Amino acid sequence: MLLALGGAAFAAVAVVVTTASVVVLQREENTRTKQEFEAYKLETGLKLAEAQARQREAELKLYEVREQLGRPRTVNEEEFKKAVANVPRRKVVISYTEDDPDSSWLSLGIDGALRRAGWDVTTLISMPHGVALCSRGFGGIYVMSKELLSEEAEFFAGRALRSGPTKLPNTALFGLTDALNISIGKDSAHFSTCPLLSDDSLYVAIRPRWVIFPKEPKPADPAPK
């Protein structure tokens, strides 16, 4: 009988120990599950915040593009006058895309700004054939010369050979292009040569605006776990 009672007591102790072990394991599992859930919530919250930030950035870029497309291009004449103050003058011939009201309006602004800055300028109602051919690649404003001046050619030759001056020479072609970008907006104008031009004047061809869509930011590397 004593052996039976001892066995029963031992079994009871074993049950208590087993139950206690199960309780401890359950508590550890619950703690681990809670920690994993909290970590999951934190990671999810961070991802949601990043997604919301990217969405706000995309909406802002879209708004900027819409604003850029919606407003007519205009010349800040005060900025233009400062920019061309020390630029050597050449005769300028302006033409524009006929079926684009914004280009027509901008031609009047550039014409007036040049005249008041003392430049010899003519604005044509119809774009010459050679000008049209040389300016059809992109939109925006083209400032074109039949050929480069010697100092302009030397600059590009030196840059190709990685020697010589790094600053653009002060010429009408470069100076007028720079003044248009300053007074109208960055990347509004670009210069080029056009062998189809009829004389040595600078030809300004105003095409419908072009928009540079900003690049999407490179996604950040995932945080180490």
Protein backbone atom coordinates (compact mmCIF):
# COMPACT_ATOMS: atom_id res chain seq x y z
CA MET A 1 0.00 0.00 0.00
CA LEU A 2 2.85 2.30 0.81
CA LEU A 3 4.30 1.59 -2.59
CA ALA A 4 0.98 2.45 -4.20
CA LEU A 5 0.72 5.70 -2.27
CA GLY A 6 4.31 6.54 -3.22
CA GLY A 7 3.60 5.84 -6.86
CA ALA A 8 0.51 7.99 -6.78
CA ALA A 9 2.43 10.84 -5.18
CA PHE A 10 5.20 10.55 -7.75
CA ALA A 11 2.61 10.59 -10.54
CA ALA A 12 0.98 13.66 -9.03
CA VAL A 13 4.32 15.43 -8.85
CA ALA A 14 5.05 14.47 -12.46
CA VAL A 15 1.69 15.89 -13.53
CA VAL A 16 2.38 19.12 -11.67
CA VAL A 17 5.85 19.41 -13.22
CA THR A 18 4.50 18.65 -16.68
CA THR A 19 1.69 21.15 -16.26
CA ALA A 20 4.12 23.77 -15.05
CA SER A 21 6.39 23.09 -18.03
CA VAL A 22 3.47 23.44 -20.42
CA VAL A 23 2.48 26.72 -18.78
CA VAL A 24 6.05 28.02 -19.06
CA LEU A 25 6.27 26.96 -22.70
CA GLN A 26 2.91 28.56 -23.45
CA ARG A 27 4.05 31.78 -21.81
CA GLU A 28 7.27 31.75 -23.81
CA GLU A 29 5.35 31.07 -27.01
CA ASN A 30 2.87 33.85 -26.21
CA THR A 31 5.74 36.24 -25.48
CA ARG A 32 7.51 35.29 -28.72
CA THR A 33 4.27 35.59 -30.69
CA LYS A 34 3.61 39.00 -29.16
CA GLN A 35 7.14 40.16 -29.98
CA GLU A 36 6.84 38.91 -33.53
CA PHE A 37 3.49 40.64 -33.89
CA GLU A 38 4.88 43.91 -32.56
CA ALA A 39 7.83 43.61 -34.95
CA TYR A 40 5.41 42.91 -37.81
CA LYS A 41 3.34 45.97 -36.90
CA LEU A 42 6.47 48.11 -36.77
CA GLU A 43 7.71 46.83 -40.15
CA THR A 44 4.26 47.26 -41.69
CA GLY A 45 4.03 50.78 -40.28
CA LEU A 46 7.42 51.70 -41.73
CA LYS A 47 6.48 50.30 -45.14
CA LEU A 48 3.17 52.17 -45.05
CA ALA A 49 4.93 55.42 -44.11
CA GLU A 50 7.43 54.94 -46.96
CA ALA A 51 4.61 54.23 -49.41
CA GLN A 52 2.72 57.32 -48.27
CA ALA A 53 5.88 59.43 -48.61
CA ARG A 54 6.44 58.14 -52.15
CA GLN A 55 2.82 58.86 -53.01
CA ARG A 56 3.08 62.42 -51.69
CA GLU A 57 6.30 62.93 -53.67
CA ALA A 58 4.67 61.57 -56.85
CA GLU A 59 1.63 63.83 -56.34
CA LEU A 60 3.91 66.84 -55.86
CA LYS A 61 5.83 66.03 -59.06
CA LEU A 62 2.58 65.59 -60.96
CA TYR A 63 1.35 68.94 -59.64
CA GLU A 64 4.61 70.62 -60.72
CA VAL A 65 4.32 69.11 -64.21
CA ARG A 66 0.69 70.24 -64.50
CA GLU A 67 1.68 73.71 -63.35
CA GLN A 68 4.50 73.82 -65.87
CA LEU A 69 2.20 72.70 -68.67
CA GLY A 70 -0.66 74.96 -67.63
CA ARG A 71 1.12 78.31 -67.40
CA PRO A 72 2.12 80.17 -70.57
CA ARG A 73 5.85 80.72 -70.93
CA THR A 74 6.89 84.27 -70.19
CA VAL A 75 10.15 86.22 -70.14
CA ASN A 76 11.31 87.80 -66.90
CA GLU A 77 12.60 90.89 -68.63
CA GLU A 78 14.60 92.19 -65.68
CA GLU A 79 16.51 88.90 -65.41
CA PHE A 80 16.92 88.78 -69.20
CA LYS A 81 18.36 92.29 -69.35
CA LYS A 82 20.91 91.46 -66.64
CA ALA A 83 21.90 88.23 -68.37
CA VAL A 84 22.59 89.86 -71.77
CA ALA A 85 24.18 93.03 -70.44
CA ASN A 86 27.72 91.95 -71.41
CA VAL A 87 26.87 89.57 -74.25
CA PRO A 88 28.12 90.52 -77.75
CA ARG A 89 25.12 91.34 -79.95
CA ARG A 90 24.15 89.74 -83.23
CA LYS A 91 21.14 90.09 -85.44
CA VAL A 92 18.38 87.75 -84.27
CA VAL A 93 15.56 86.26 -86.36
CA ILE A 94 12.67 84.79 -84.38
CA SER A 95 10.09 82.34 -85.68
CA TYR A 96 7.60 80.09 -83.93
CA THR A 97 5.24 77.16 -84.37
CA GLU A 98 2.18 78.73 -85.98
CA ASP A 99 -0.51 76.51 -84.46
CA ASP A 100 0.74 76.89 -80.88
CA PRO A 101 -0.60 80.01 -79.11
CA ASP A 102 1.96 79.67 -76.31
CA SER A 103 4.87 79.76 -78.80
CA SER A 104 3.33 82.77 -80.56
CA TRP A 105 2.88 84.61 -77.27
CA LEU A 106 6.44 83.81 -76.16
CA SER A 107 7.86 85.10 -79.46
CA LEU A 108 6.39 88.53 -78.66
CA GLY A 109 7.99 88.47 -75.20
CA ILE A 110 11.44 87.52 -76.52
CA ASP A 111 11.18 90.06 -79.36
CA GLY A 112 10.32 92.87 -76.94
CA ALA A 113 13.02 91.90 -74.43
CA LEU A 114 15.69 91.83 -77.15
CA ARG A 115 14.63 95.17 -78.63
CA ARG A 116 14.64 96.89 -75.27
CA ALA A 117 18.09 95.42 -74.59
CA GLY A 118 19.35 97.04 -77.82
CA TRP A 119 19.51 93.99 -80.10
CA ASP A 120 18.59 93.98 -83.79
CA VAL A 121 15.66 91.57 -84.03
CA THR A 122 13.11 90.45 -86.64
CA THR A 123 10.14 88.19 -85.94
CA LEU A 124 8.71 86.14 -88.81
CA ILE A 125 5.12 85.00 -89.10
CA SER A 126 6.15 81.79 -90.85
CA MET A 127 9.05 79.56 -89.78
CA PRO A 128 11.66 79.18 -92.57
CA HIS A 129 12.02 75.68 -93.98
CA GLY A 130 15.64 75.26 -92.86
CA VAL A 131 14.83 76.46 -89.35
CA ALA A 132 11.89 74.06 -89.17
CA LEU A 133 14.06 71.12 -90.20
CA CYS A 134 16.81 71.91 -87.69
CA SER A 135 14.42 72.43 -84.78
CA ARG A 136 12.03 69.52 -85.16
CA GLY A 137 13.84 67.07 -82.87
CA PHE A 138 12.52 68.34 -79.53
CA GLY A 139 10.27 71.00 -78.13
CA GLY A 140 11.35 74.19 -76.43
CA ILE A 141 13.44 77.06 -77.77
CA TYR A 142 16.30 76.59 -80.24
CA VAL A 143 19.00 79.23 -80.57
CA MET A 144 20.79 78.36 -83.81
CA SER A 145 23.79 79.58 -85.74
CA LYS A 146 24.81 78.53 -89.23
CA GLU A 147 28.21 77.56 -87.88
CA LEU A 148 30.29 77.97 -84.77
CA LEU A 149 32.58 80.92 -84.32
CA SER A 150 36.27 80.09 -83.98
CA GLU A 151 36.28 80.53 -80.18
CA GLU A 152 33.18 78.35 -79.88
CA ALA A 153 34.72 75.62 -82.03
CA GLU A 154 37.98 75.81 -80.04
CA PHE A 155 36.03 75.43 -76.79
CA PHE A 156 34.32 72.23 -77.94
CA ALA A 157 37.55 70.86 -79.40
CA GLY A 158 39.33 71.48 -76.11
CA ARG A 159 36.53 69.88 -74.14
CA ALA A 160 36.64 66.79 -76.37
CA LEU A 161 40.38 66.52 -75.71
CA ARG A 162 39.89 67.35 -72.02
CA SER A 163 42.09 70.38 -72.33
CA GLY A 164 41.60 74.12 -72.65
CA PRO A 165 39.03 76.34 -70.87
CA THR A 166 36.04 74.79 -69.12
CA LYS A 167 33.91 77.94 -69.22
CA LEU A 168 31.84 78.75 -72.29
CA PRO A 169 33.22 81.71 -74.25
CA ASN A 170 31.21 84.90 -74.14
CA THR A 171 29.44 84.79 -77.51
CA ALA A 172 25.96 85.71 -78.69
CA LEU A 173 24.99 82.07 -79.28
CA PHE A 174 25.89 80.91 -75.79
CA GLY A 175 24.94 84.14 -74.02
CA LEU A 176 21.47 84.41 -75.54
CA THR A 177 20.72 80.76 -74.79
CA ASP A 178 21.81 81.25 -71.19
CA ALA A 179 19.74 84.42 -70.85
CA LEU A 180 16.62 82.63 -72.10
CA ASN A 181 17.11 79.82 -69.60
CA ILE A 182 17.58 82.31 -66.79
CA SER A 183 14.60 84.48 -67.69
CA ILE A 184 12.12 81.80 -68.81
CA GLY A 185 13.12 78.71 -66.88
CA LYS A 186 15.81 76.07 -66.63
CA ASP A 187 16.16 73.88 -69.74
CA SER A 188 13.77 76.12 -71.70
CA ALA A 189 16.34 76.80 -74.44
CA HIS A 190 19.24 74.99 -76.06
CA PHE A 191 21.72 75.97 -78.76
CA SER A 192 22.77 74.19 -81.93
CA THR A 193 24.21 74.78 -85.37
CA CYS A 194 22.13 74.56 -88.53
CA PRO A 195 23.90 74.59 -91.91
CA LEU A 196 20.51 75.18 -93.60
CA LEU A 197 20.30 78.77 -92.34
CA SER A 198 20.45 81.43 -95.01
CA ASP A 199 22.78 83.92 -93.28
CA ASP A 200 24.93 84.54 -90.22
CA SER A 201 22.10 85.77 -88.00
CA LEU A 202 21.11 83.92 -84.85
CA TYR A 203 17.82 82.14 -85.45
CA VAL A 204 15.52 81.57 -82.49
CA ALA A 205 12.95 78.86 -83.18
CA ILE A 206 10.18 78.63 -80.60
CA ARG A 207 8.55 75.23 -80.46
CA PRO A 208 5.85 73.97 -78.08
CA ARG A 209 7.26 73.56 -74.62
CA TRP A 210 8.99 70.38 -73.60
CA VAL A 211 8.83 68.93 -70.12
CA ILE A 212 11.57 66.97 -68.42
CA PHE A 213 9.84 64.46 -66.19
CA PRO A 214 11.86 63.95 -63.02
CA LYS A 215 13.38 60.54 -62.52
CA GLU A 216 11.89 58.29 -59.91
CA PRO A 217 14.09 58.15 -56.84
CA LYS A 218 16.08 54.96 -56.46
CA PRO A 219 14.39 52.74 -53.86
CA ALA A 220 16.28 52.47 -50.63
CA ASP A 221 17.94 49.21 -49.73
CA PRO A 222 15.87 47.15 -47.31
CA ALA A 223 16.87 47.55 -43.68
CA PRO A 224 18.81 44.62 -42.26
CA LYS A 225 16.71 42.35 -40.14
